[in-house]
């Protein structure tokens, strides 16, 4: 598989993740984020994972890495302000972060089956 195929798979996964998050959000928040907002936030989540060192942490006895969702939310809100995006309400962004993590958990479970 070439690099172009890898990018297409990532795009498809991002698309599925955005759809999952839109369904995950509480009804009163469904109109708060455009698709572009969600893709932007996903990019920031990935950026946080790759730059924070949290992926280098040692898993616990059950194989999980503790990731502080509040730190991710703070990172997103700060970076969005620097980029001239938003403003995003941290409490609303928290639901997006939870949705992304839930999507990742679900994809991981599907791959195990």
PDB file of N, CA and C in Angstrom:
ATOM      1  N   UNK A   1       0.855  -1.182   0.000  1.00  0.00           N
ATOM      2  CA  UNK A   1       0.000   0.000   0.000  1.00  0.00           C
ATOM      3  C   UNK A   1       0.897   1.240   0.000  1.00  0.00           C
ATOM      4  N   UNK A   2       0.614   2.195  -0.870  1.00  0.00           N
ATOM      5  CA  UNK A   2       1.409   3.406  -0.971  1.00  0.00           C
ATOM      6  C   UNK A   2       0.953   4.473   0.000  1.00  0.00           C
ATOM      7  N   UNK A   3       1.710   5.559   0.019  1.00  0.00           N
ATOM      8  CA  UNK A   3       1.371   6.678   0.908  1.00  0.00           C
ATOM      9  C   UNK A   3       0.001   7.249   0.579  1.00  0.00           C
ATOM     10  N   UNK A   4      -0.329   7.327  -0.711  1.00  0.00           N
ATOM     11  CA  UNK A   4      -1.628   7.866  -1.108  1.00  0.00           C
ATOM     12  C   UNK A   4      -2.759   7.015  -0.532  1.00  0.00           C
ATOM     13  N   UNK A   5      -2.579   5.688  -0.547  1.00  0.00           N
ATOM     14  CA  UNK A   5      -3.593   4.802   0.029  1.00  0.00           C
ATOM     15  C   UNK A   5      -3.720   5.019   1.529  1.00  0.00           C
ATOM     16  N   UNK A   6      -2.579   5.230   2.200  1.00  0.00           N
ATOM     17  CA  UNK A   6      -2.610   5.502   3.641  1.00  0.00           C
ATOM     18  C   UNK A   6      -3.417   6.762   3.941  1.00  0.00           C
ATOM     19  N   UNK A   7      -3.202   7.814   3.136  1.00  0.00           N
ATOM     20  CA  UNK A   7      -3.944   9.065   3.342  1.00  0.00           C
ATOM     21  C   UNK A   7      -5.433   8.861   3.095  1.00  0.00           C
ATOM     22  N   UNK A   8      -5.785   8.068   2.097  1.00  0.00           N
ATOM     23  CA  UNK A   8      -7.197   7.795   1.827  1.00  0.00           C
ATOM     24  C   UNK A   8      -7.835   7.050   2.988  1.00  0.00           C
ATOM     25  N   UNK A   9      -7.111   6.084   3.559  1.00  0.00           N
ATOM     26  CA  UNK A   9      -7.633   5.359   4.717  1.00  0.00           C
ATOM     27  C   UNK A   9      -7.799   6.290   5.913  1.00  0.00           C
ATOM     28  N   UNK A  10      -6.832   7.184   6.126  1.00  0.00           N
ATOM     29  CA  UNK A  10      -6.943   8.154   7.219  1.00  0.00           C
ATOM     30  C   UNK A  10      -8.143   9.062   7.009  1.00  0.00           C
ATOM     31  N   UNK A  11      -8.353   9.521   5.778  1.00  0.00           N
ATOM     32  CA  UNK A  11      -9.496  10.384   5.475  1.00  0.00           C
ATOM     33  C   UNK A  11     -10.807   9.657   5.748  1.00  0.00           C
ATOM     34  N   UNK A  12     -10.886   8.383   5.351  1.00  0.00           N
ATOM     35  CA  UNK A  12     -12.094   7.599   5.596  1.00  0.00           C
ATOM     36  C   UNK A  12     -12.324   7.427   7.093  1.00  0.00           C
ATOM     37  N   UNK A  13     -11.250   7.164   7.834  1.00  0.00           N
ATOM     38  CA  UNK A  13     -11.375   6.993   9.273  1.00  0.00           C
ATOM     39  C   UNK A  13     -11.809   8.304   9.929  1.00  0.00           C
ATOM     40  N   UNK A  14     -11.222   9.425   9.497  1.00  0.00           N
ATOM     41  CA  UNK A  14     -11.627  10.731  10.030  1.00  0.00           C
ATOM     42  C   UNK A  14     -13.101  10.981   9.748  1.00  0.00           C
ATOM     43  N   UNK A  15     -13.534  10.628   8.554  1.00  0.00           N
ATOM     44  CA  UNK A  15     -14.940  10.827   8.181  1.00  0.00           C
ATOM     45  C   UNK A  15     -15.855  10.002   9.084  1.00  0.00           C
ATOM     46  N   UNK A  16     -15.487   8.743   9.323  1.00  0.00           N
ATOM     47  CA  UNK A  16     -16.293   7.890  10.218  1.00  0.00           C
ATOM     48  C   UNK A  16     -16.265   8.435  11.641  1.00  0.00           C
ATOM     49  N   UNK A  17     -15.113   8.938  12.070  1.00  0.00           N
ATOM     50  CA  UNK A  17     -14.990   9.485  13.418  1.00  0.00           C
ATOM     51  C   UNK A  17     -15.874  10.723  13.583  1.00  0.00           C
ATOM     52  N   UNK A  18     -15.862  11.608  12.599  1.00  0.00           N
ATOM     53  CA  UNK A  18     -16.701  12.814  12.663  1.00  0.00           C
ATOM     54  C   UNK A  18     -18.175  12.421  12.729  1.00  0.00           C
ATOM     55  N   UNK A  19     -18.591  11.453  11.925  1.00  0.00           N
ATOM     56  CA  UNK A  19     -19.991  10.999  11.961  1.00  0.00           C
ATOM     57  C   UNK A  19     -20.321  10.404  13.326  1.00  0.00           C
ATOM     58  N   UNK A  20     -19.394   9.627  13.886  1.00  0.00           N
ATOM     59  CA  UNK A  20     -19.592   9.041  15.212  1.00  0.00           C
ATOM     60  C   UNK A  20     -19.766  10.144  16.251  1.00  0.00           C
ATOM     61  N   UNK A  21     -18.878  11.150  16.214  1.00  0.00           N
ATOM     62  CA  UNK A  21     -18.942  12.248  17.181  1.00  0.00           C
ATOM     63  C   UNK A  21     -20.259  13.002  17.050  1.00  0.00           C
ATOM     64  N   UNK A  22     -20.693  13.257  15.818  1.00  0.00           N
ATOM     65  CA  UNK A  22     -21.960  13.980  15.621  1.00  0.00           C
ATOM     66  C   UNK A  22     -23.116  13.212  16.241  1.00  0.00           C
ATOM     67  N   UNK A  23     -23.085  11.893  16.167  1.00  0.00           N
ATOM     68  CA  UNK A  23     -24.129  11.078  16.794  1.00  0.00           C
ATOM     69  C   UNK A  23     -23.936  10.975  18.300  1.00  0.00           C
ATOM     70  N   UNK A  24     -22.706  11.103  18.765  1.00  0.00           N
ATOM     71  CA  UNK A  24     -22.375  10.988  20.184  1.00  0.00           C
ATOM     72  C   UNK A  24     -22.782  12.238  20.968  1.00  0.00           C
ATOM     73  N   UNK A  25     -22.698  13.401  20.320  1.00  0.00           N
ATOM     74  CA  UNK A  25     -22.991  14.659  21.016  1.00  0.00           C
ATOM     75  C   UNK A  25     -24.438  14.689  21.500  1.00  0.00           C
ATOM     76  N   UNK A  26     -24.658  15.284  22.675  1.00  0.00           N
ATOM     77  CA  UNK A  26     -26.032  15.467  23.146  1.00  0.00           C
ATOM     78  C   UNK A  26     -26.828  16.312  22.139  1.00  0.00           C
ATOM     79  N   UNK A  27     -28.114  16.103  22.076  1.00  0.00           N
ATOM     80  CA  UNK A  27     -28.979  16.758  21.098  1.00  0.00           C
ATOM     81  C   UNK A  27     -28.786  18.281  21.064  1.00  0.00           C
ATOM     82  N   UNK A  28     -28.654  18.901  22.240  1.00  0.00           N
ATOM     83  CA  UNK A  28     -28.545  20.360  22.290  1.00  0.00           C
ATOM     84  C   UNK A  28     -27.203  20.872  21.764  1.00  0.00           C
ATOM     85  N   UNK A  29     -26.249  19.973  21.541  1.00  0.00           N
ATOM     86  CA  UNK A  29     -24.934  20.384  21.030  1.00  0.00           C
ATOM     87  C   UNK A  29     -24.720  20.034  19.569  1.00  0.00           C
ATOM     88  N   UNK A  30     -25.642  19.333  18.967  1.00  0.00           N
ATOM     89  CA  UNK A  30     -25.447  18.840  17.605  1.00  0.00           C
ATOM     90  C   UNK A  30     -25.203  19.958  16.590  1.00  0.00           C
ATOM     91  N   UNK A  31     -25.744  21.151  16.836  1.00  0.00           N
ATOM     92  CA  UNK A  31     -25.560  22.270  15.906  1.00  0.00           C
ATOM     93  C   UNK A  31     -24.419  23.202  16.307  1.00  0.00           C
ATOM     94  N   UNK A  32     -23.730  22.879  17.390  1.00  0.00           N
ATOM     95  CA  UNK A  32     -22.655  23.755  17.884  1.00  0.00           C
ATOM     96  C   UNK A  32     -21.389  23.664  17.045  1.00  0.00           C
ATOM     97  N   UNK A  33     -21.159  22.518  16.405  1.00  0.00           N
ATOM     98  CA  UNK A  33     -19.924  22.288  15.661  1.00  0.00           C
ATOM     99  C   UNK A  33     -20.235  21.928  14.220  1.00  0.00           C
ATOM    100  N   UNK A  34     -19.591  22.629  13.296  1.00  0.00           N
ATOM    101  CA  UNK A  34     -19.702  22.259  11.887  1.00  0.00           C
ATOM    102  C   UNK A  34     -18.781  21.059  11.644  1.00  0.00           C
ATOM    103  N   UNK A  35     -18.921  20.430  10.491  1.00  0.00           N
ATOM    104  CA  UNK A  35     -18.004  19.342  10.137  1.00  0.00           C
ATOM    105  C   UNK A  35     -16.571  19.858  10.130  1.00  0.00           C
ATOM    106  N   UNK A  36     -16.379  21.068   9.587  1.00  0.00           N
ATOM    107  CA  UNK A  36     -15.027  21.653   9.555  1.00  0.00           C
ATOM    108  C   UNK A  36     -14.471  21.836  10.964  1.00  0.00           C
ATOM    109  N   UNK A  37     -15.331  22.277  11.901  1.00  0.00           N
ATOM    110  CA  UNK A  37     -14.898  22.415  13.298  1.00  0.00           C
ATOM    111  C   UNK A  37     -14.443  21.064  13.845  1.00  0.00           C
ATOM    112  N   UNK A  38     -15.225  20.027  13.568  1.00  0.00           N
ATOM    113  CA  UNK A  38     -14.897  18.702  14.100  1.00  0.00           C
ATOM    114  C   UNK A  38     -13.605  18.160  13.493  1.00  0.00           C
ATOM    115  N   UNK A  39     -13.411  18.349  12.190  1.00  0.00           N
ATOM    116  CA  UNK A  39     -12.148  17.921  11.565  1.00  0.00           C
ATOM    117  C   UNK A  39     -10.971  18.692  12.164  1.00  0.00           C
ATOM    118  N   UNK A  40     -11.169  19.974  12.384  1.00  0.00           N
ATOM    119  CA  UNK A  40     -10.118  20.810  12.987  1.00  0.00           C
ATOM    120  C   UNK A  40      -9.784  20.303  14.395  1.00  0.00           C
ATOM    121  N   UNK A  41     -10.811  20.045  15.192  1.00  0.00           N
ATOM    122  CA  UNK A  41     -10.600  19.560  16.553  1.00  0.00           C
ATOM    123  C   UNK A  41      -9.918  18.186  16.526  1.00  0.00           C
ATOM    124  N   UNK A  42     -10.323  17.319  15.604  1.00  0.00           N
ATOM    125  CA  UNK A  42      -9.652  16.020  15.474  1.00  0.00           C
ATOM    126  C   UNK A  42      -8.163  16.193  15.191  1.00  0.00           C
ATOM    127  N   UNK A  43      -7.850  17.119  14.299  1.00  0.00           N
ATOM    128  CA  UNK A  43      -6.439  17.389  13.994  1.00  0.00           C
ATOM    129  C   UNK A  43      -5.693  17.842  15.251  1.00  0.00           C
ATOM    130  N   UNK A  44      -6.344  18.680  16.061  1.00  0.00           N
ATOM    131  CA  UNK A  44      -5.702  19.150  17.296  1.00  0.00           C
ATOM    132  C   UNK A  44      -5.533  18.013  18.308  1.00  0.00           C
ATOM    133  N   UNK A  45      -6.501  17.112  18.353  1.00  0.00           N
ATOM    134  CA  UNK A  45      -6.383  15.959  19.261  1.00  0.00           C
ATOM    135  C   UNK A  45      -5.176  15.119  18.862  1.00  0.00           C
ATOM    136  N   UNK A  46      -5.038  14.837  17.571  1.00  0.00           N
ATOM    137  CA  UNK A  46      -3.896  14.063  17.082  1.00  0.00           C
ATOM    138  C   UNK A  46      -2.598  14.805  17.379  1.00  0.00           C
ATOM    139  N   UNK A  47      -2.612  16.120  17.153  1.00  0.00           N
ATOM    140  CA  UNK A  47      -1.435  16.934  17.445  1.00  0.00           C
ATOM    141  C   UNK A  47      -1.072  16.838  18.924  1.00  0.00           C
ATOM    142  N   UNK A  48      -2.075  16.892  19.784  1.00  0.00           N
ATOM    143  CA  UNK A  48      -1.830  16.769  21.228  1.00  0.00           C
ATOM    144  C   UNK A  48      -1.195  15.412  21.542  1.00  0.00           C
ATOM    145  N   UNK A  49      -1.775  14.346  20.981  1.00  0.00           N
ATOM    146  CA  UNK A  49      -1.242  13.005  21.238  1.00  0.00           C
ATOM    147  C   UNK A  49       0.220  12.899  20.827  1.00  0.00           C
ATOM    148  N   UNK A  50       0.561  13.476  19.681  1.00  0.00           N
ATOM    149  CA  UNK A  50       1.915  13.316  19.158  1.00  0.00           C
ATOM    150  C   UNK A  50       2.935  14.238  19.830  1.00  0.00           C
ATOM    151  N   UNK A  51       2.491  15.366  20.367  1.00  0.00           N
ATOM    152  CA  UNK A  51       3.440  16.314  20.954  1.00  0.00           C
ATOM    153  C   UNK A  51       3.511  16.262  22.476  1.00  0.00           C
ATOM    154  N   UNK A  52       2.508  15.710  23.137  1.00  0.00           N
ATOM    155  CA  UNK A  52       2.465  15.747  24.606  1.00  0.00           C
ATOM    156  C   UNK A  52       3.300  14.658  25.264  1.00  0.00           C
ATOM    157  N   UNK A  53       3.623  13.619  24.506  1.00  0.00           N
ATOM    158  CA  UNK A  53       4.355  12.504  25.094  1.00  0.00           C
ATOM    159  C   UNK A  53       3.453  11.487  25.765  1.00  0.00           C
ATOM    160  N   UNK A  54       2.136  11.711  25.756  1.00  0.00           N
ATOM    161  CA  UNK A  54       1.233  10.784  26.443  1.00  0.00           C
ATOM    162  C   UNK A  54       1.256   9.391  25.797  1.00  0.00           C
ATOM    163  N   UNK A  55       1.560   9.319  24.506  1.00  0.00           N
ATOM    164  CA  UNK A  55       1.611   8.017  23.840  1.00  0.00           C
ATOM    165  C   UNK A  55       2.866   7.235  24.200  1.00  0.00           C
ATOM    166  N   UNK A  56       3.848   7.924  24.807  1.00  0.00           N
ATOM    167  CA  UNK A  56       5.078   7.264  25.237  1.00  0.00           C
ATOM    168  C   UNK A  56       4.969   6.731  26.664  1.00  0.00           C
ATOM    169  N   UNK A  57       3.852   7.038  27.327  1.00  0.00           N
ATOM    170  CA  UNK A  57       3.662   6.601  28.714  1.00  0.00           C
ATOM    171  C   UNK A  57       3.502   5.084  28.763  1.00  0.00           C
ATOM    172  N   UNK A  58       3.861   4.532  29.902  1.00  0.00           N
ATOM    173  CA  UNK A  58       3.731   3.083  30.091  1.00  0.00           C
ATOM    174  C   UNK A  58       2.286   2.736  30.444  1.00  0.00           C
ATOM    175  N   UNK A  59       1.723   1.724  29.785  1.00  0.00           N
ATOM    176  CA  UNK A  59       0.356   1.302  30.111  1.00  0.00           C
ATOM    177  C   UNK A  59       0.270   0.730  31.530  1.00  0.00           C
ATOM    178  N   UNK A  60      -0.923   0.794  32.114  1.00  0.00           N
ATOM    179  CA  UNK A  60      -1.132   0.209  33.431  1.00  0.00           C
ATOM    180  C   UNK A  60      -1.247  -1.320  33.303  1.00  0.00           C
ATOM    181  N   UNK A  61      -1.588  -1.989  34.404  1.00  0.00           N
ATOM    182  CA  UNK A  61      -1.660  -3.451  34.417  1.00  0.00           C
ATOM    183  C   UNK A  61      -2.666  -3.988  33.392  1.00  0.00           C
ATOM    184  N   UNK A  62      -3.687  -3.210  33.099  1.00  0.00           N
ATOM    185  CA  UNK A  62      -4.729  -3.643  32.160  1.00  0.00           C
ATOM    186  C   UNK A  62      -4.423  -3.233  30.724  1.00  0.00           C
ATOM    187  N   UNK A  63      -3.278  -2.584  30.517  1.00  0.00           N
ATOM    188  CA  UNK A  63      -2.878  -2.205  29.165  1.00  0.00           C
ATOM    189  C   UNK A  63      -3.364  -0.846  28.718  1.00  0.00           C
ATOM    190  N   UNK A  64      -3.877  -0.037  29.653  1.00  0.00           N
ATOM    191  CA  UNK A  64      -4.401   1.282  29.304  1.00  0.00           C
ATOM    192  C   UNK A  64      -3.406   2.382  29.644  1.00  0.00           C
ATOM    193  N   UNK A  65      -3.440   3.434  28.846  1.00  0.00           N
ATOM    194  CA  UNK A  65      -2.648   4.628  29.126  1.00  0.00           C
ATOM    195  C   UNK A  65      -3.614   5.687  29.629  1.00  0.00           C
ATOM    196  N   UNK A  66      -3.282   6.294  30.764  1.00  0.00           N
ATOM    197  CA  UNK A  66      -4.137   7.328  31.340  1.00  0.00           C
ATOM    198  C   UNK A  66      -3.924   8.634  30.572  1.00  0.00           C
ATOM    199  N   UNK A  67      -4.981   9.111  29.935  1.00  0.00           N
ATOM    200  CA  UNK A  67      -4.917  10.359  29.184  1.00  0.00           C
ATOM    201  C   UNK A  67      -5.888  11.344  29.824  1.00  0.00           C
ATOM    202  N   UNK A  68      -5.379  12.503  30.208  1.00  0.00           N
ATOM    203  CA  UNK A  68      -6.184  13.524  30.882  1.00  0.00           C
ATOM    204  C   UNK A  68      -6.993  14.305  29.844  1.00  0.00           C
ATOM    205  N   UNK A  69      -8.285  14.042  29.803  1.00  0.00           N
ATOM    206  CA  UNK A  69      -9.155  14.699  28.827  1.00  0.00           C
ATOM    207  C   UNK A  69      -9.207  16.209  29.039  1.00  0.00           C
ATOM    208  N   UNK A  70      -9.104  16.657  30.284  1.00  0.00           N
ATOM    209  CA  UNK A  70      -9.120  18.094  30.552  1.00  0.00           C
ATOM    210  C   UNK A  70      -7.911  18.785  29.921  1.00  0.00           C
ATOM    211  N   UNK A  71      -6.758  18.108  29.941  1.00  0.00           N
ATOM    212  CA  UNK A  71      -5.561  18.679  29.303  1.00  0.00           C
ATOM    213  C   UNK A  71      -5.761  18.803  27.797  1.00  0.00           C
ATOM    214  N   UNK A  72      -6.393  17.798  27.195  1.00  0.00           N
ATOM    215  CA  UNK A  72      -6.660  17.844  25.749  1.00  0.00           C
ATOM    216  C   UNK A  72      -7.597  19.005  25.438  1.00  0.00           C
ATOM    217  N   UNK A  73      -8.650  19.156  26.242  1.00  0.00           N
ATOM    218  CA  UNK A  73      -9.610  20.250  26.033  1.00  0.00           C
ATOM    219  C   UNK A  73      -8.905  21.595  26.142  1.00  0.00           C
ATOM    220  N   UNK A  74      -8.087  21.763  27.174  1.00  0.00           N
ATOM    221  CA  UNK A  74      -7.360  23.033  27.350  1.00  0.00           C
ATOM    222  C   UNK A  74      -6.452  23.308  26.153  1.00  0.00           C
ATOM    223  N   UNK A  75      -5.784  22.265  25.666  1.00  0.00           N
ATOM    224  CA  UNK A  75      -4.901  22.397  24.501  1.00  0.00           C
ATOM    225  C   UNK A  75      -5.708  22.852  23.279  1.00  0.00           C
ATOM    226  N   UNK A  76      -6.858  22.228  23.054  1.00  0.00           N
ATOM    227  CA  UNK A  76      -7.697  22.566  21.892  1.00  0.00           C
ATOM    228  C   UNK A  76      -8.167  24.009  21.969  1.00  0.00           C
ATOM    229  N   UNK A  77      -8.676  24.410  23.126  1.00  0.00           N
ATOM    230  CA  UNK A  77      -9.205  25.771  23.288  1.00  0.00           C
ATOM    231  C   UNK A  77      -8.085  26.794  23.070  1.00  0.00           C
ATOM    232  N   UNK A  78      -6.906  26.521  23.624  1.00  0.00           N
ATOM    233  CA  UNK A  78      -5.770  27.436  23.489  1.00  0.00           C
ATOM    234  C   UNK A  78      -5.303  27.514  22.030  1.00  0.00           C
ATOM    235  N   UNK A  79      -5.109  26.374  21.385  1.00  0.00           N
ATOM    236  CA  UNK A  79      -4.639  26.355  20.000  1.00  0.00           C
ATOM    237  C   UNK A  79      -5.670  26.983  19.056  1.00  0.00           C
ATOM    238  N   UNK A  80      -6.945  26.723  19.303  1.00  0.00           N
ATOM    239  CA  UNK A  80      -7.993  27.305  18.461  1.00  0.00           C
ATOM    240  C   UNK A  80      -7.961  28.823  18.561  1.00  0.00           C
ATOM    241  N   UNK A  81      -7.773  29.347  19.762  1.00  0.00           N
ATOM    242  CA  UNK A  81      -7.691  30.800  19.936  1.00  0.00           C
ATOM    243  C   UNK A  81      -6.477  31.350  19.186  1.00  0.00           C
ATOM    244  N   UNK A  82      -5.344  30.647  19.269  1.00  0.00           N
ATOM    245  CA  UNK A  82      -4.135  31.079  18.554  1.00  0.00           C
ATOM    246  C   UNK A  82      -4.336  31.055  17.039  1.00  0.00           C
ATOM    247  N   UNK A  83      -5.131  30.095  16.559  1.00  0.00           N
ATOM    248  CA  UNK A  83      -5.375  29.939  15.121  1.00  0.00           C
ATOM    249  C   UNK A  83      -6.534  30.792  14.619  1.00  0.00           C
ATOM    250  N   UNK A  84      -7.190  31.522  15.525  1.00  0.00           N
ATOM    251  CA  UNK A  84      -8.332  32.338  15.129  1.00  0.00           C
ATOM    252  C   UNK A  84      -9.588  31.524  14.867  1.00  0.00           C
ATOM    253  N   UNK A  85      -9.648  30.328  15.433  1.00  0.00           N
ATOM    254  CA  UNK A  85     -10.827  29.467  15.298  1.00  0.00           C
ATOM    255  C   UNK A  85     -11.672  29.605  16.560  1.00  0.00           C
ATOM    256  N   UNK A  86     -12.928  29.188  16.427  1.00  0.00           N
ATOM    257  CA  UNK A  86     -13.805  29.214  17.605  1.00  0.00           C
ATOM    258  C   UNK A  86     -14.431  30.580  17.789  1.00  0.00           C
ATOM    259  N   UNK A  87     -14.620  31.037  19.003  1.00  0.00           N
ATOM    260  CA  UNK A  87     -14.169  30.415  20.246  1.00  0.00           C
ATOM    261  C   UNK A  87     -14.993  29.164  20.576  1.00  0.00           C
ATOM    262  N   UNK A  88     -14.326  28.207  21.182  1.00  0.00           N
ATOM    263  CA  UNK A  88     -14.977  26.971  21.580  1.00  0.00           C
ATOM    264  C   UNK A  88     -15.152  26.944  23.086  1.00  0.00           C
ATOM    265  N   UNK A  89     -16.330  26.520  23.517  1.00  0.00           N
ATOM    266  CA  UNK A  89     -16.636  26.366  24.937  1.00  0.00           C
ATOM    267  C   UNK A  89     -15.965  25.072  25.421  1.00  0.00           C
ATOM    268  N   UNK A  90     -15.101  25.164  26.449  1.00  0.00           N
ATOM    269  CA  UNK A  90     -14.403  23.969  26.927  1.00  0.00           C
ATOM    270  C   UNK A  90     -15.341  22.820  27.301  1.00  0.00           C
ATOM    271  N   UNK A  91     -16.496  23.129  27.890  1.00  0.00           N
ATOM    272  CA  UNK A  91     -17.432  22.072  28.277  1.00  0.00           C
ATOM    273  C   UNK A  91     -17.988  21.352  27.054  1.00  0.00           C
ATOM    274  N   UNK A  92     -18.182  22.081  25.962  1.00  0.00           N
ATOM    275  CA  UNK A  92     -18.675  21.461  24.732  1.00  0.00           C
ATOM    276  C   UNK A  92     -17.566  20.670  24.034  1.00  0.00           C
ATOM    277  N   UNK A  93     -16.359  21.221  24.048  1.00  0.00           N
ATOM    278  CA  UNK A  93     -15.213  20.518  23.447  1.00  0.00           C
ATOM    279  C   UNK A  93     -14.974  19.202  24.179  1.00  0.00           C
ATOM    280  N   UNK A  94     -15.231  19.181  25.475  1.00  0.00           N
ATOM    281  CA  UNK A  94     -15.039  17.962  26.271  1.00  0.00           C
ATOM    282  C   UNK A  94     -15.845  16.806  25.683  1.00  0.00           C
ATOM    283  N   UNK A  95     -17.072  17.083  25.241  1.00  0.00           N
ATOM    284  CA  UNK A  95     -17.909  16.041  24.633  1.00  0.00           C
ATOM    285  C   UNK A  95     -17.310  15.532  23.323  1.00  0.00           C
ATOM    286  N   UNK A  96     -16.696  16.431  22.565  1.00  0.00           N
ATOM    287  CA  UNK A  96     -16.044  16.027  21.313  1.00  0.00           C
ATOM    288  C   UNK A  96     -14.858  15.113  21.627  1.00  0.00           C
ATOM    289  N   UNK A  97     -14.069  15.493  22.630  1.00  0.00           N
ATOM    290  CA  UNK A  97     -12.917  14.680  23.035  1.00  0.00           C
ATOM    291  C   UNK A  97     -13.391  13.302  23.511  1.00  0.00           C
ATOM    292  N   UNK A  98     -14.446  13.283  24.307  1.00  0.00           N
ATOM    293  CA  UNK A  98     -14.994  12.005  24.763  1.00  0.00           C
ATOM    294  C   UNK A  98     -15.476  11.169  23.583  1.00  0.00           C
ATOM    295  N   UNK A  99     -16.129  11.809  22.630  1.00  0.00           N
ATOM    296  CA  UNK A  99     -16.617  11.107  21.444  1.00  0.00           C
ATOM    297  C   UNK A  99     -15.478  10.506  20.642  1.00  0.00           C
ATOM    298  N   UNK A 100     -14.383  11.250  20.500  1.00  0.00           N
ATOM    299  CA  UNK A 100     -13.222  10.741  19.758  1.00  0.00           C
ATOM    300  C   UNK A 100     -12.622   9.541  20.474  1.00  0.00           C
ATOM    301  N   UNK A 101     -12.530   9.614  21.791  1.00  0.00           N
ATOM    302  CA  UNK A 101     -11.977   8.494  22.558  1.00  0.00           C
ATOM    303  C   UNK A 101     -12.904   7.280  22.478  1.00  0.00           C
ATOM    304  N   UNK A 102     -14.189   7.516  22.560  1.00  0.00           N
ATOM    305  CA  UNK A 102     -15.161   6.424  22.462  1.00  0.00           C
ATOM    306  C   UNK A 102     -15.093   5.771  21.082  1.00  0.00           C
ATOM    307  N   UNK A 103     -14.942   6.584  20.056  1.00  0.00           N
ATOM    308  CA  UNK A 103     -14.781   6.053  18.700  1.00  0.00           C
ATOM    309  C   UNK A 103     -13.532   5.172  18.630  1.00  0.00           C
ATOM    310  N   UNK A 104     -12.434   5.652  19.192  1.00  0.00           N
ATOM    311  CA  UNK A 104     -11.196   4.876  19.201  1.00  0.00           C
ATOM    312  C   UNK A 104     -11.356   3.563  19.943  1.00  0.00           C
ATOM    313  N   UNK A 105     -12.074   3.584  21.058  1.00  0.00           N
ATOM    314  CA  UNK A 105     -12.323   2.355  21.813  1.00  0.00           C
ATOM    315  C   UNK A 105     -13.156   1.378  20.995  1.00  0.00           C
ATOM    316  N   UNK A 106     -14.164   1.898  20.318  1.00  0.00           N
ATOM    317  CA  UNK A 106     -15.044   1.048  19.519  1.00  0.00           C
ATOM    318  C   UNK A 106     -14.291   0.434  18.339  1.00  0.00           C
ATOM    319  N   UNK A 107     -13.461   1.221  17.675  1.00  0.00           N
ATOM    320  CA  UNK A 107     -12.666   0.714  16.557  1.00  0.00           C
ATOM    321  C   UNK A 107     -11.701  -0.361  17.067  1.00  0.00           C
ATOM    322  N   UNK A 108     -11.103  -0.126  18.224  1.00  0.00           N
ATOM    323  CA  UNK A 108     -10.196  -1.106  18.818  1.00  0.00           C
ATOM    324  C   UNK A 108     -10.895  -2.411  19.151  1.00  0.00           C
ATOM    325  N   UNK A 109     -12.129  -2.330  19.646  1.00  0.00           N
ATOM    326  CA  UNK A 109     -12.891  -3.535  19.943  1.00  0.00           C
ATOM    327  C   UNK A 109     -13.264  -4.275  18.663  1.00  0.00           C
ATOM    328  N   UNK A 110     -13.627  -3.539  17.616  1.00  0.00           N
ATOM    329  CA  UNK A 110     -13.980  -4.162  16.342  1.00  0.00           C
ATOM    330  C   UNK A 110     -12.793  -4.917  15.757  1.00  0.00           C
ATOM    331  N   UNK A 111     -11.591  -4.359  15.928  1.00  0.00           N
ATOM    332  CA  UNK A 111     -10.387  -4.989  15.383  1.00  0.00           C
ATOM    333  C   UNK A 111     -10.031  -6.256  16.154  1.00  0.00           C
ATOM    334  N   UNK A 112     -10.410  -6.325  17.435  1.00  0.00           N
ATOM    335  CA  UNK A 112     -10.124  -7.504  18.250  1.00  0.00           C
ATOM    336  C   UNK A 112     -11.011  -8.672  17.885  1.00  0.00           C
ATOM    337  N   UNK A 113     -12.197  -8.376  17.373  1.00  0.00           N
ATOM    338  CA  UNK A 113     -13.173  -9.443  17.084  1.00  0.00           C
ATOM    339  C   UNK A 113     -12.836 -10.201  15.838  1.00  0.00           C
TER     340      UNK A 113
END
